[in-house]
Structure formats: C-alpha cells, structure tokens
Amino acid sequence: MRVAIADDESDVVVHLTEIIEELGHEAVGFTDGDAFSDTISTEMFDLAIMDWNIRRKNGASLFHWMCETLPERPPIIMMANRSATRDIADALNAGADEYITKPEDRSVIAARVNALLRRNARSGAFDTQVTHGAYMLNRIDQSVSLNGQIIVLTAKEFELAEMFFKNTDRTLSRDHIMQTIWRTSASLATRTLDMHISRVRAKLDLQPRNGFRIFTVFGYGYRLESVTN
C-alpha cells in the first residue's frame, strides 16, 4: 500500500518513512504543502499522514481541501504536538480518521497505521460490485459489464480499469500508473502501458456515448473523463 507523509520537519518524514517501509508499505514523503497537494491530486494513496503545520500550506486547510476536492480521499492521520489538544479536537471534529501526538513511540505509530489500513480495507471488502454510470465492475471475477453486457478483461486490464474509474476526472501520471499496476518505472515499459490502455479503451468502448473517455495528457499521463450526454 502507498502512504503519503507530509511534515515540515524532514527528520520526522524520514522517521515515519522508515516505520511505513518496515511494515511493508511504500512511503512518499513531503516537507512542502504545495508538493503534497499537487501529488495527492494526481496519484492514488491508501493513507495520508499529515502534520497540522506544513510548509507553504496549513495542515487544516489541506485537510479540508482533500475532503472537498478529491473524488476518493484516503484515510487521514493528523499529527500534533502533545500540547495542541485543540488541534487534535479540531482534526477529529473535521473528520480525521486518527491522530498521532508528537513525540510518539515507534511501535504505537506502527500499530495505529496498521489498524487504520486494516479498517479501511475491511470497509471496502464487501463492495464486490461497483457502479460507474453504465459500467459495473465485479471484483470477484474481475469483469466489467456495460449496460448489462459482460466484458471479460485480463487481471492487469481490470486493475487498470478499476484505477481509472476510482480516479475519474483526475490526471494520473505514467509513472504512478506503472508503479501501482506493474510495480516498475514508466520508463521501463512505456509500450506495455500504452498497449494496455488501448485495449481497455477498446474493450470497454470508452466513448462519449457511454459516458466516459480516456485521453492522453501529452508528456505526463492519462485521464478518464466523465462525459455528460
């Protein structure tokens, strides 16, 4: 799983990154609020750990921006100093999923991260069928139906389709897609990505008449865009 870490103290980012990686997850760290918001708006994360104070952008404003802007925001762990009890209360009242007070024991941080990731995974475990307009994704047999007609996809094609539908109207970078689906760099398999996207576009008939279309953002990546007929 991918975890975004945002804190204006680089040593805290390094510390949390080590904990996340020891748990077997991928960590992406930020000490700048602008870089954090730019990345999380285009890439998919399973969890975000945010300090209440982040360089260039206030943690509170970033939190509200994520809740109001992202089509599907990840669970959020807010961080605050032990003395900042009002910050903790404000974060929880605003909808934060968990909080961590500084300084906190390494084992406690790991336990809270794992607990939240497990809870989030369970919350979506029963959504075996997900509908996006005329499309229905079946996570059991990894198929997609369009207006009731079953479309058989390969495992990678289904992962790619699910990723795009979960991020409708968000531009995804080539590198992020390759890292998420193939666990490799985009520069290593550009033709593989292009071929799979072409197949998904053709098999699902992603055309305006069906409510969606995939188009290339040259020099960056792809976006699945919803189309109102």
Protein backbone atom coordinates (compact mmCIF):
# COMPACT_ATOMS: atom_id res chain seq x y z
CA MET A 1 0.00 0.00 0.00
CA ARG A 2 1.06 3.61 -0.59
CA VAL A 3 1.28 6.11 2.25
CA ALA A 4 1.78 9.86 1.81
CA ILE A 5 3.63 11.62 4.64
CA ALA A 6 3.55 15.41 4.98
CA ASP A 7 5.52 17.20 7.70
CA ASP A 8 7.65 20.35 7.60
CA GLU A 9 10.36 18.59 9.64
CA SER A 10 12.46 16.40 7.36
CA ASP A 11 13.65 14.20 10.24
CA VAL A 12 10.02 13.38 11.09
CA VAL A 13 9.37 12.45 7.45
CA VAL A 14 12.42 10.16 7.48
CA HIS A 15 11.33 8.60 10.79
CA LEU A 16 7.80 7.90 9.57
CA THR A 17 9.08 6.64 6.22
CA GLU A 18 11.23 4.06 7.99
CA ILE A 19 8.23 2.86 10.02
CA ILE A 20 5.97 2.59 6.97
CA GLU A 21 8.60 0.72 4.94
CA GLU A 22 9.27 -1.68 7.84
CA LEU A 23 5.56 -2.51 7.71
CA GLY A 24 6.00 -3.48 4.06
CA HIS A 25 4.33 -0.43 2.53
CA GLU A 26 5.55 2.27 0.15
CA ALA A 27 6.07 5.72 1.68
CA VAL A 28 6.21 9.02 -0.22
CA GLY A 29 7.38 11.95 1.90
CA PHE A 30 6.79 15.70 1.58
CA THR A 31 8.03 18.70 3.56
CA ASP A 32 6.17 21.17 1.36
CA GLY A 33 2.39 21.57 1.28
CA ASP A 34 2.26 22.55 -2.39
CA ALA A 35 4.18 19.45 -3.46
CA PHE A 36 1.94 17.30 -1.28
CA SER A 37 -1.31 18.68 -2.72
CA ASP A 38 -0.02 18.53 -6.31
CA THR A 39 0.92 14.86 -5.94
CA ILE A 40 -2.08 13.62 -3.99
CA SER A 41 -4.42 15.23 -6.53
CA THR A 42 -2.95 13.12 -9.35
CA GLU A 43 -1.74 9.95 -7.64
CA MET A 44 -3.54 7.34 -5.56
CA PHE A 45 -2.66 6.72 -1.90
CA ASP A 46 -4.11 4.31 0.65
CA LEU A 47 -3.30 6.57 3.62
CA ALA A 48 -2.10 10.11 4.33
CA ILE A 49 -0.23 11.17 7.48
CA MET A 50 -0.27 14.96 7.84
CA ASP A 51 1.18 17.31 10.40
CA TRP A 52 -1.06 20.17 11.48
CA ASN A 53 1.70 22.55 10.37
CA ILE A 54 3.13 22.10 6.88
CA ARG A 55 5.39 24.49 4.98
CA ARG A 56 3.56 26.72 2.45
CA LYS A 57 0.12 25.35 3.36
CA ASN A 58 -1.64 24.99 6.67
CA GLY A 59 -2.45 21.39 7.57
CA ALA A 60 -6.03 22.29 8.42
CA SER A 61 -6.63 23.93 5.04
CA LEU A 62 -5.02 20.98 3.26
CA PHE A 63 -7.25 18.59 5.17
CA HIS A 64 -10.41 20.46 4.18
CA TRP A 65 -9.19 20.75 0.59
CA MET A 66 -8.72 16.97 0.41
CA CYS A 67 -12.19 16.29 1.83
CA GLU A 68 -13.88 18.70 -0.57
CA THR A 69 -11.83 18.17 -3.73
CA LEU A 70 -10.58 14.60 -4.04
CA PRO A 71 -13.09 12.19 -5.61
CA GLU A 72 -11.99 9.49 -3.19
CA ARG A 73 -9.72 10.74 -0.43
CA PRO A 74 -7.53 8.31 1.51
CA PRO A 75 -7.91 7.88 5.28
CA ILE A 76 -6.10 10.68 7.10
CA ILE A 77 -3.98 10.57 10.23
CA MET A 78 -3.38 14.05 11.58
CA MET A 79 -0.35 14.83 13.73
CA ALA A 80 0.00 17.42 16.50
CA ASN A 81 2.20 18.28 19.47
CA ARG A 82 1.06 16.95 22.84
CA SER A 83 0.18 20.47 23.98
CA ALA A 84 -2.00 21.16 20.95
CA THR A 85 -5.15 19.46 22.27
CA ARG A 86 -7.37 21.91 20.42
CA ASP A 87 -5.70 20.92 17.14
CA ILE A 88 -6.43 17.26 17.88
CA ALA A 89 -10.07 18.01 18.67
CA ASP A 90 -10.43 20.18 15.58
CA ALA A 91 -8.92 17.44 13.39
CA LEU A 92 -11.25 14.74 14.71
CA ASN A 93 -14.30 17.01 14.55
CA ALA A 94 -13.43 17.84 10.94
CA GLY A 95 -13.40 14.15 10.05
CA ALA A 96 -9.82 12.92 10.52
CA ASP A 97 -9.70 9.15 10.89
CA GLU A 98 -6.97 9.09 13.55
CA TYR A 99 -4.34 11.28 15.18
CA ILE A 100 -0.80 10.87 16.41
CA THR A 101 0.68 13.08 19.10
CA LYS A 102 4.34 14.07 18.97
CA PRO A 103 6.53 12.53 20.14
CA GLU A 104 5.06 9.04 19.96
CA ASP A 105 6.58 5.60 20.39
CA ARG A 106 7.55 3.86 17.16
CA SER A 107 5.50 0.76 17.97
CA VAL A 108 2.39 2.83 18.68
CA ILE A 109 2.67 4.66 15.36
CA ALA A 110 3.06 1.33 13.52
CA ALA A 111 0.06 -0.14 15.34
CA ARG A 112 -2.18 2.83 14.53
CA VAL A 113 -1.14 2.85 10.88
CA ASN A 114 -1.80 -0.89 10.53
CA ALA A 115 -5.12 -0.65 12.36
CA LEU A 116 -6.37 2.12 10.10
CA LEU A 117 -5.22 0.37 6.92
CA ARG A 118 -6.97 -2.84 8.04
CA ARG A 119 -10.13 -0.95 8.96
CA ASN A 120 -10.19 0.80 5.61
CA ALA A 121 -9.61 -2.45 3.74
CA ARG A 122 -12.49 -4.13 5.58
CA SER A 123 -14.81 -1.21 4.89
CA GLY A 124 -14.43 -1.81 1.16
CA ALA A 125 -14.23 -5.59 1.29
CA PHE A 126 -17.96 -6.08 0.78
CA ASP A 127 -18.20 -3.76 -2.22
CA THR A 128 -17.82 -6.63 -4.66
CA GLN A 129 -19.71 -4.70 -7.33
CA VAL A 130 -19.15 -1.02 -8.01
CA THR A 131 -21.18 1.03 -10.48
CA HIS A 132 -19.86 3.94 -12.54
CA GLY A 133 -22.58 5.21 -14.85
CA ALA A 134 -23.45 2.45 -17.33
CA TYR A 135 -20.48 0.37 -16.17
CA MET A 136 -20.45 -2.15 -13.33
CA LEU A 137 -17.16 -3.55 -12.03
CA ASN A 138 -17.27 -7.01 -10.45
CA ARG A 139 -14.26 -7.50 -8.18
CA ILE A 140 -14.94 -11.21 -7.69
CA ASP A 141 -14.47 -12.36 -11.28
CA GLN A 142 -12.65 -9.17 -12.36
CA SER A 143 -15.08 -8.40 -15.13
CA VAL A 144 -16.86 -5.26 -16.26
CA SER A 145 -20.36 -5.03 -17.68
CA LEU A 146 -21.64 -2.25 -19.90
CA ASN A 147 -25.43 -1.87 -19.91
CA GLY A 148 -25.64 -5.44 -18.62
CA GLN A 149 -23.28 -6.95 -21.21
CA ILE A 150 -20.30 -8.73 -19.64
CA ILE A 151 -16.83 -7.71 -20.83
CA VAL A 152 -14.02 -10.12 -19.96
CA LEU A 153 -10.70 -8.49 -19.04
CA THR A 154 -7.27 -9.78 -18.10
CA ALA A 155 -6.15 -9.20 -14.50
CA LYS A 156 -4.00 -6.20 -15.45
CA GLU A 157 -6.72 -4.73 -17.66
CA PHE A 158 -9.19 -4.96 -14.79
CA GLU A 159 -6.73 -3.32 -12.35
CA LEU A 160 -6.17 -0.54 -14.86
CA ALA A 161 -9.89 -0.03 -15.47
CA GLU A 162 -10.64 -0.01 -11.73
CA MET A 163 -7.85 2.50 -11.13
CA PHE A 164 -9.20 4.87 -13.78
CA PHE A 165 -12.81 4.64 -12.61
CA LYS A 166 -11.76 5.28 -8.99
CA ASN A 167 -9.94 8.39 -10.21
CA THR A 168 -12.43 9.72 -12.75
CA ASP A 169 -11.56 13.27 -13.89
CA ARG A 170 -8.11 13.07 -12.26
CA THR A 171 -4.96 13.04 -14.37
CA LEU A 172 -2.72 10.09 -13.49
CA SER A 173 0.98 10.22 -14.30
CA ARG A 174 2.50 7.43 -16.35
CA ASP A 175 5.00 6.74 -13.59
CA HIS A 176 2.25 6.45 -10.96
CA ILE A 177 0.26 4.02 -13.13
CA MET A 178 3.31 1.86 -13.77
CA GLN A 179 4.34 1.86 -10.12
CA THR A 180 0.83 0.97 -8.95
CA ILE A 181 -0.12 -1.67 -11.55
CA TRP A 182 3.25 -3.12 -12.59
CA ARG A 183 5.46 -2.06 -9.64
CA THR A 184 8.02 -0.66 -12.03
CA SER A 185 9.15 2.63 -13.57
CA ALA A 186 7.20 4.04 -16.52
CA SER A 187 10.45 4.48 -18.45
CA LEU A 188 10.97 0.71 -18.45
CA ALA A 189 7.68 -0.31 -20.06
CA THR A 190 6.12 2.59 -21.94
CA ARG A 191 4.79 0.37 -24.73
CA THR A 192 3.27 -2.03 -22.20
CA LEU A 193 1.25 0.76 -20.63
CA ASP A 194 0.12 2.21 -23.96
CA MET A 195 -0.94 -1.22 -25.20
CA HIS A 196 -2.99 -1.99 -22.09
CA ILE A 197 -4.72 1.39 -22.12
CA SER A 198 -5.55 0.93 -25.79
CA ARG A 199 -7.09 -2.47 -25.02
CA VAL A 200 -9.09 -1.16 -22.06
CA ARG A 201 -10.38 1.75 -24.16
CA ALA A 202 -11.44 -0.62 -26.96
CA LYS A 203 -12.90 -3.42 -24.81
CA LEU A 204 -14.92 -1.07 -22.61
CA ASP A 205 -15.89 1.12 -25.55
CA LEU A 206 -14.93 4.21 -23.59
CA GLN A 207 -16.65 6.73 -25.81
CA PRO A 208 -18.74 9.83 -25.00
CA ARG A 209 -21.92 7.91 -25.86
CA ASN A 210 -21.17 5.64 -22.88
CA GLY A 211 -20.37 8.49 -20.51
CA PHE A 212 -16.57 8.23 -20.32
CA ARG A 213 -13.49 8.70 -22.41
CA ILE A 214 -9.76 8.21 -21.83
CA PHE A 215 -7.44 10.77 -23.29
CA THR A 216 -3.69 11.33 -23.22
CA VAL A 217 -2.15 14.23 -21.35
CA PHE A 218 0.95 14.57 -23.50
CA GLY A 219 4.23 14.36 -21.68
CA TYR A 220 2.54 13.36 -18.42
CA GLY A 221 -0.06 10.59 -18.39
CA TYR A 222 -3.74 9.76 -18.89
CA ARG A 223 -7.15 10.81 -17.60
CA LEU A 224 -10.53 9.08 -17.60
CA GLU A 225 -13.03 11.88 -18.06
CA SER A 226 -16.75 11.71 -17.42
CA VAL A 227 -18.86 12.99 -20.30
CA THR A 228 -22.38 14.38 -19.89
CA ASN A 229 -24.54 13.49 -22.88
